[in-house]
Amino acid sequence: MSTAKIKVRVTESDQIMSVEVIEKRPERIKVLLGEGDHSVRCELLPTPNGRAYAGTVMGREIVYERSRQEVQDDLAKFAATFRQHGR
């Protein structure tokens, strides 16, 4: 089974991390950082201007640099593809 991953930026260090997506909706994105016993969950919420999603994990801010509209479009494309294949 394939897991969805997205790239987020740690604002403190500008480091880009690949994280596993647990749930993706326009109003929030839940992600899992790390693996195994040391993994940490984080909820990313839209920023006030709607241009990104941000959350805090272990005192550090992470940002998914896609707008709420882009996420809605991604979800709509996925749903259309899913229906198209009759699953």
N, C-alpha and C. Protein backbone atom coordinates (compact mmCIF):
# COMPACT_ATOMS: atom_id res chain seq x y z
N MET A 1 0.83 -1.18 0.00
CA MET A 1 0.00 0.00 0.00
C MET A 1 0.88 1.24 0.00
N SER A 2 0.54 2.20 -0.84
CA SER A 2 1.31 3.43 -0.96
C SER A 2 0.74 4.51 -0.04
N THR A 3 1.62 5.23 0.63
CA THR A 3 1.17 6.31 1.50
C THR A 3 1.43 7.64 0.81
N ALA A 4 0.51 8.57 0.98
CA ALA A 4 0.68 9.90 0.40
C ALA A 4 1.68 10.69 1.23
N LYS A 5 2.52 11.42 0.56
CA LYS A 5 3.52 12.25 1.24
C LYS A 5 3.45 13.65 0.65
N ILE A 6 3.75 14.63 1.50
CA ILE A 6 3.86 16.02 1.06
C ILE A 6 5.16 16.58 1.61
N LYS A 7 5.60 17.68 1.02
CA LYS A 7 6.82 18.33 1.49
C LYS A 7 6.43 19.58 2.29
N VAL A 8 6.99 19.68 3.48
CA VAL A 8 6.76 20.83 4.34
C VAL A 8 8.10 21.50 4.64
N ARG A 9 8.04 22.77 5.00
CA ARG A 9 9.25 23.53 5.32
C ARG A 9 9.27 23.85 6.80
N VAL A 10 10.39 23.58 7.45
CA VAL A 10 10.59 23.97 8.84
C VAL A 10 11.04 25.43 8.80
N THR A 11 10.23 26.35 9.33
CA THR A 11 10.52 27.78 9.17
C THR A 11 11.81 28.20 9.85
N GLU A 12 12.15 27.58 10.96
CA GLU A 12 13.35 27.97 11.72
C GLU A 12 14.64 27.74 10.92
N SER A 13 14.68 26.63 10.18
CA SER A 13 15.91 26.27 9.49
C SER A 13 15.78 26.27 7.96
N ASP A 14 14.59 26.51 7.45
CA ASP A 14 14.29 26.42 6.01
C ASP A 14 14.53 25.02 5.45
N GLN A 15 14.61 24.03 6.30
CA GLN A 15 14.78 22.64 5.88
C GLN A 15 13.46 22.13 5.30
N ILE A 16 13.54 21.37 4.20
CA ILE A 16 12.36 20.76 3.59
C ILE A 16 12.31 19.30 4.04
N MET A 17 11.13 18.91 4.54
CA MET A 17 10.93 17.53 5.02
C MET A 17 9.79 16.89 4.25
N SER A 18 9.89 15.61 4.03
CA SER A 18 8.80 14.84 3.45
C SER A 18 8.05 14.17 4.60
N VAL A 19 6.73 14.39 4.69
CA VAL A 19 5.93 13.84 5.77
C VAL A 19 4.77 13.04 5.21
N GLU A 20 4.30 12.08 5.98
CA GLU A 20 3.19 11.23 5.56
C GLU A 20 1.86 11.92 5.87
N VAL A 21 0.93 11.87 4.93
CA VAL A 21 -0.39 12.48 5.12
C VAL A 21 -1.32 11.44 5.73
N ILE A 22 -1.93 11.80 6.85
CA ILE A 22 -2.92 10.94 7.50
C ILE A 22 -4.31 11.29 6.99
N GLU A 23 -4.58 12.59 6.91
CA GLU A 23 -5.89 13.08 6.46
C GLU A 23 -5.68 14.41 5.76
N LYS A 24 -6.37 14.59 4.64
CA LYS A 24 -6.22 15.84 3.89
C LYS A 24 -7.61 16.36 3.53
N ARG A 25 -7.94 17.52 4.08
CA ARG A 25 -9.19 18.21 3.80
C ARG A 25 -8.87 19.68 3.63
N PRO A 26 -9.75 20.43 2.96
CA PRO A 26 -9.46 21.86 2.78
C PRO A 26 -9.33 22.62 4.10
N GLU A 27 -10.03 22.17 5.14
CA GLU A 27 -9.98 22.90 6.42
C GLU A 27 -8.83 22.47 7.32
N ARG A 28 -8.18 21.33 7.03
CA ARG A 28 -7.01 20.91 7.81
C ARG A 28 -6.31 19.74 7.13
N ILE A 29 -5.03 19.61 7.43
CA ILE A 29 -4.23 18.48 6.94
C ILE A 29 -3.53 17.89 8.15
N LYS A 30 -3.71 16.58 8.36
CA LYS A 30 -3.04 15.90 9.46
C LYS A 30 -1.88 15.11 8.88
N VAL A 31 -0.69 15.29 9.47
CA VAL A 31 0.51 14.63 8.97
C VAL A 31 1.22 13.88 10.09
N LEU A 32 2.10 12.98 9.68
CA LEU A 32 2.90 12.19 10.60
C LEU A 32 4.37 12.42 10.26
N LEU A 33 5.12 12.90 11.23
CA LEU A 33 6.56 13.15 11.05
C LEU A 33 7.33 12.03 11.71
N GLY A 34 8.32 11.50 11.04
CA GLY A 34 9.13 10.43 11.61
C GLY A 34 8.51 9.07 11.39
N GLU A 35 9.15 8.06 11.97
CA GLU A 35 8.70 6.68 11.80
C GLU A 35 8.76 5.94 13.12
N GLY A 36 7.92 4.94 13.25
CA GLY A 36 7.94 4.06 14.41
C GLY A 36 7.58 4.75 15.71
N ASP A 37 8.28 4.36 16.77
CA ASP A 37 8.00 4.87 18.11
C ASP A 37 8.26 6.37 18.24
N HIS A 38 9.07 6.91 17.37
CA HIS A 38 9.48 8.31 17.48
C HIS A 38 8.67 9.23 16.56
N SER A 39 7.59 8.72 15.97
CA SER A 39 6.79 9.56 15.09
C SER A 39 5.92 10.52 15.89
N VAL A 40 5.60 11.64 15.27
CA VAL A 40 4.81 12.69 15.91
C VAL A 40 3.75 13.15 14.92
N ARG A 41 2.52 13.32 15.42
CA ARG A 41 1.44 13.82 14.58
C ARG A 41 1.37 15.34 14.68
N CYS A 42 0.91 15.95 13.60
CA CYS A 42 0.77 17.40 13.58
C CYS A 42 -0.43 17.77 12.71
N GLU A 43 -1.17 18.78 13.14
CA GLU A 43 -2.30 19.27 12.38
C GLU A 43 -1.93 20.60 11.75
N LEU A 44 -2.05 20.68 10.43
CA LEU A 44 -1.76 21.91 9.70
C LEU A 44 -3.07 22.60 9.37
N LEU A 45 -3.18 23.85 9.73
CA LEU A 45 -4.39 24.63 9.48
C LEU A 45 -4.08 25.75 8.50
N PRO A 46 -5.08 26.19 7.72
CA PRO A 46 -4.83 27.28 6.77
C PRO A 46 -4.40 28.55 7.50
N THR A 47 -3.47 29.26 6.92
CA THR A 47 -3.04 30.54 7.48
C THR A 47 -4.16 31.55 7.26
N PRO A 48 -4.17 32.66 7.99
CA PRO A 48 -5.24 33.65 7.83
C PRO A 48 -5.44 34.16 6.39
N ASN A 49 -4.36 34.25 5.62
CA ASN A 49 -4.49 34.72 4.24
C ASN A 49 -4.82 33.59 3.27
N GLY A 50 -4.82 32.33 3.74
CA GLY A 50 -5.20 31.18 2.92
C GLY A 50 -4.16 30.73 1.92
N ARG A 51 -2.95 31.24 2.00
CA ARG A 51 -1.91 30.89 1.02
C ARG A 51 -1.05 29.69 1.41
N ALA A 52 -1.22 29.18 2.61
CA ALA A 52 -0.43 28.05 3.08
C ALA A 52 -1.14 27.41 4.26
N TYR A 53 -0.57 26.30 4.72
CA TYR A 53 -1.04 25.62 5.92
C TYR A 53 0.12 25.61 6.90
N ALA A 54 -0.16 25.84 8.18
CA ALA A 54 0.92 25.89 9.17
C ALA A 54 0.50 25.14 10.42
N GLY A 55 1.50 24.59 11.11
CA GLY A 55 1.28 23.89 12.36
C GLY A 55 2.56 23.89 13.17
N THR A 56 2.44 23.44 14.41
CA THR A 56 3.60 23.41 15.30
C THR A 56 3.80 21.99 15.81
N VAL A 57 5.04 21.55 15.76
CA VAL A 57 5.39 20.24 16.30
C VAL A 57 6.65 20.40 17.12
N MET A 58 6.57 20.00 18.39
CA MET A 58 7.68 20.09 19.32
C MET A 58 8.28 21.50 19.36
N GLY A 59 7.41 22.51 19.34
CA GLY A 59 7.85 23.89 19.44
C GLY A 59 8.37 24.51 18.16
N ARG A 60 8.32 23.78 17.06
CA ARG A 60 8.81 24.31 15.79
C ARG A 60 7.66 24.41 14.80
N GLU A 61 7.65 25.49 14.05
CA GLU A 61 6.60 25.69 13.06
C GLU A 61 6.97 25.00 11.76
N ILE A 62 5.99 24.32 11.16
CA ILE A 62 6.17 23.75 9.83
C ILE A 62 5.08 24.31 8.93
N VAL A 63 5.43 24.47 7.65
CA VAL A 63 4.52 25.10 6.70
C VAL A 63 4.43 24.25 5.43
N TYR A 64 3.19 24.02 4.98
CA TYR A 64 2.92 23.38 3.69
C TYR A 64 2.55 24.52 2.75
N GLU A 65 3.39 24.80 1.79
CA GLU A 65 3.26 26.01 0.99
C GLU A 65 2.37 25.81 -0.23
N ARG A 66 1.11 25.44 0.04
CA ARG A 66 0.08 25.37 -1.00
C ARG A 66 -1.15 26.04 -0.43
N SER A 67 -1.86 26.75 -1.28
CA SER A 67 -3.03 27.49 -0.82
C SER A 67 -4.21 26.53 -0.59
N ARG A 68 -5.18 27.04 0.14
CA ARG A 68 -6.39 26.26 0.40
C ARG A 68 -7.07 25.90 -0.93
N GLN A 69 -7.09 26.82 -1.89
CA GLN A 69 -7.70 26.56 -3.19
C GLN A 69 -6.94 25.46 -3.94
N GLU A 70 -5.62 25.47 -3.87
CA GLU A 70 -4.82 24.43 -4.53
C GLU A 70 -5.11 23.06 -3.92
N VAL A 71 -5.26 23.00 -2.60
CA VAL A 71 -5.58 21.74 -1.93
C VAL A 71 -6.97 21.27 -2.35
N GLN A 72 -7.94 22.18 -2.43
CA GLN A 72 -9.28 21.81 -2.87
C GLN A 72 -9.23 21.26 -4.30
N ASP A 73 -8.46 21.90 -5.17
CA ASP A 73 -8.32 21.44 -6.54
C ASP A 73 -7.68 20.06 -6.60
N ASP A 74 -6.64 19.83 -5.79
CA ASP A 74 -5.99 18.51 -5.73
C ASP A 74 -6.98 17.43 -5.31
N LEU A 75 -7.77 17.73 -4.30
CA LEU A 75 -8.75 16.76 -3.81
C LEU A 75 -9.83 16.48 -4.86
N ALA A 76 -10.25 17.51 -5.59
CA ALA A 76 -11.26 17.34 -6.64
C ALA A 76 -10.70 16.48 -7.78
N LYS A 77 -9.45 16.69 -8.16
CA LYS A 77 -8.82 15.87 -9.21
C LYS A 77 -8.72 14.42 -8.77
N PHE A 78 -8.33 14.20 -7.52
CA PHE A 78 -8.23 12.84 -7.00
C PHE A 78 -9.59 12.16 -7.01
N ALA A 79 -10.63 12.87 -6.58
CA ALA A 79 -11.98 12.31 -6.55
C ALA A 79 -12.46 11.96 -7.96
N ALA A 80 -12.17 12.82 -8.92
CA ALA A 80 -12.57 12.57 -10.31
C ALA A 80 -11.85 11.34 -10.86
N THR A 81 -10.58 11.22 -10.58
CA THR A 81 -9.81 10.05 -11.03
C THR A 81 -10.32 8.78 -10.38
N PHE A 82 -10.63 8.88 -9.10
CA PHE A 82 -11.14 7.73 -8.34
C PHE A 82 -12.48 7.26 -8.94
N ARG A 83 -13.38 8.20 -9.25
CA ARG A 83 -14.69 7.84 -9.83
C ARG A 83 -14.51 7.28 -11.22
N GLN A 84 -13.57 7.82 -11.98
CA GLN A 84 -13.34 7.43 -13.35
C GLN A 84 -12.94 5.96 -13.46
N HIS A 85 -12.21 5.47 -12.50
CA HIS A 85 -11.74 4.10 -12.52
C HIS A 85 -12.75 3.14 -11.90
N GLY A 86 -13.89 3.66 -11.47
CA GLY A 86 -14.98 2.82 -10.99
C GLY A 86 -14.70 2.10 -9.70
N ARG A 87 -13.99 2.71 -8.80
CA ARG A 87 -13.68 2.07 -7.52
C ARG A 87 -14.56 2.58 -6.44
